[in-house]
């Protein structure tokens, strides 16, 4: 699910990592945070690595 959303926003799964304990989304340099947020829409769960 998460990987599909990332692909939809044009971001590779390796570009984004989640810290489920603090609910912080870490985005690699060169990645548009807005695109990631739009793709996730706050509907992600678990972690993506």
C-alpha atoms as a PDB file:
ATOM      1  CA  UNK A   1       0.000   0.000   0.000  1.00  0.00           C
ATOM      2  CA  UNK A   2       2.642   2.496   1.053  1.00  0.00           C
ATOM      3  CA  UNK A   3       4.902   1.592  -1.852  1.00  0.00           C
ATOM      4  CA  UNK A   4       2.018   2.039  -4.299  1.00  0.00           C
ATOM      5  CA  UNK A   5       1.283   5.505  -2.931  1.00  0.00           C
ATOM      6  CA  UNK A   6       4.927   6.477  -3.208  1.00  0.00           C
ATOM      7  CA  UNK A   7       5.059   5.286  -6.795  1.00  0.00           C
ATOM      8  CA  UNK A   8       1.941   7.318  -7.572  1.00  0.00           C
ATOM      9  CA  UNK A   9       3.612  10.466  -6.233  1.00  0.00           C
ATOM     10  CA  UNK A  10       6.652   9.766  -8.391  1.00  0.00           C
ATOM     11  CA  UNK A  11       8.857   8.991  -5.416  1.00  0.00           C
ATOM     12  CA  UNK A  12      10.858   5.793  -5.048  1.00  0.00           C
ATOM     13  CA  UNK A  13      10.361   3.865  -1.816  1.00  0.00           C
ATOM     14  CA  UNK A  14      14.067   4.302  -0.986  1.00  0.00           C
ATOM     15  CA  UNK A  15      13.647   8.085  -0.972  1.00  0.00           C
ATOM     16  CA  UNK A  16      11.320   8.116   2.015  1.00  0.00           C
ATOM     17  CA  UNK A  17      11.561   6.546   5.441  1.00  0.00           C
ATOM     18  CA  UNK A  18       9.114   6.596   8.338  1.00  0.00           C
ATOM     19  CA  UNK A  19       9.708   6.780  12.056  1.00  0.00           C
ATOM     20  CA  UNK A  20       6.568   5.148  13.401  1.00  0.00           C
ATOM     21  CA  UNK A  21       7.426   6.061  16.993  1.00  0.00           C
ATOM     22  CA  UNK A  22       7.388   9.799  16.334  1.00  0.00           C
ATOM     23  CA  UNK A  23       5.267   9.790  13.165  1.00  0.00           C
ATOM     24  CA  UNK A  24       7.947  11.780  11.348  1.00  0.00           C
ATOM     25  CA  UNK A  25       8.432  11.399   7.629  1.00  0.00           C
ATOM     26  CA  UNK A  26      12.049  11.679   6.565  1.00  0.00           C
ATOM     27  CA  UNK A  27      12.582  12.637   2.942  1.00  0.00           C
ATOM     28  CA  UNK A  28      15.853  12.282   1.076  1.00  0.00           C
ATOM     29  CA  UNK A  29      17.414  15.332  -0.551  1.00  0.00           C
ATOM     30  CA  UNK A  30      16.117  16.093  -4.021  1.00  0.00           C
ATOM     31  CA  UNK A  31      12.658  14.761  -3.195  1.00  0.00           C
ATOM     32  CA  UNK A  32       9.699  17.131  -3.141  1.00  0.00           C
ATOM     33  CA  UNK A  33       8.086  16.873   0.325  1.00  0.00           C
ATOM     34  CA  UNK A  34       4.816  18.232  -1.055  1.00  0.00           C
ATOM     35  CA  UNK A  35       4.669  15.447  -3.634  1.00  0.00           C
ATOM     36  CA  UNK A  36       5.227  12.888  -0.898  1.00  0.00           C
ATOM     37  CA  UNK A  37       2.543  14.425   1.310  1.00  0.00           C
ATOM     38  CA  UNK A  38       0.100  14.541  -1.589  1.00  0.00           C
ATOM     39  CA  UNK A  39       0.752  10.890  -2.388  1.00  0.00           C
ATOM     40  CA  UNK A  40       0.452   9.690   1.179  1.00  0.00           C
ATOM     41  CA  UNK A  41      -2.512  11.878   2.139  1.00  0.00           C
ATOM     42  CA  UNK A  42      -1.929  10.819   5.724  1.00  0.00           C
ATOM     43  CA  UNK A  43      -3.153   7.303   4.947  1.00  0.00           C
ATOM     44  CA  UNK A  44       0.093   5.416   5.459  1.00  0.00           C
ATOM     45  CA  UNK A  45       0.663   2.889   8.206  1.00  0.00           C
ATOM     46  CA  UNK A  46       3.665   0.874   9.307  1.00  0.00           C
ATOM     47  CA  UNK A  47       7.036   1.691   7.811  1.00  0.00           C
ATOM     48  CA  UNK A  48       8.634   1.879   4.380  1.00  0.00           C
ATOM     49  CA  UNK A  49      12.271   1.003   3.867  1.00  0.00           C
END
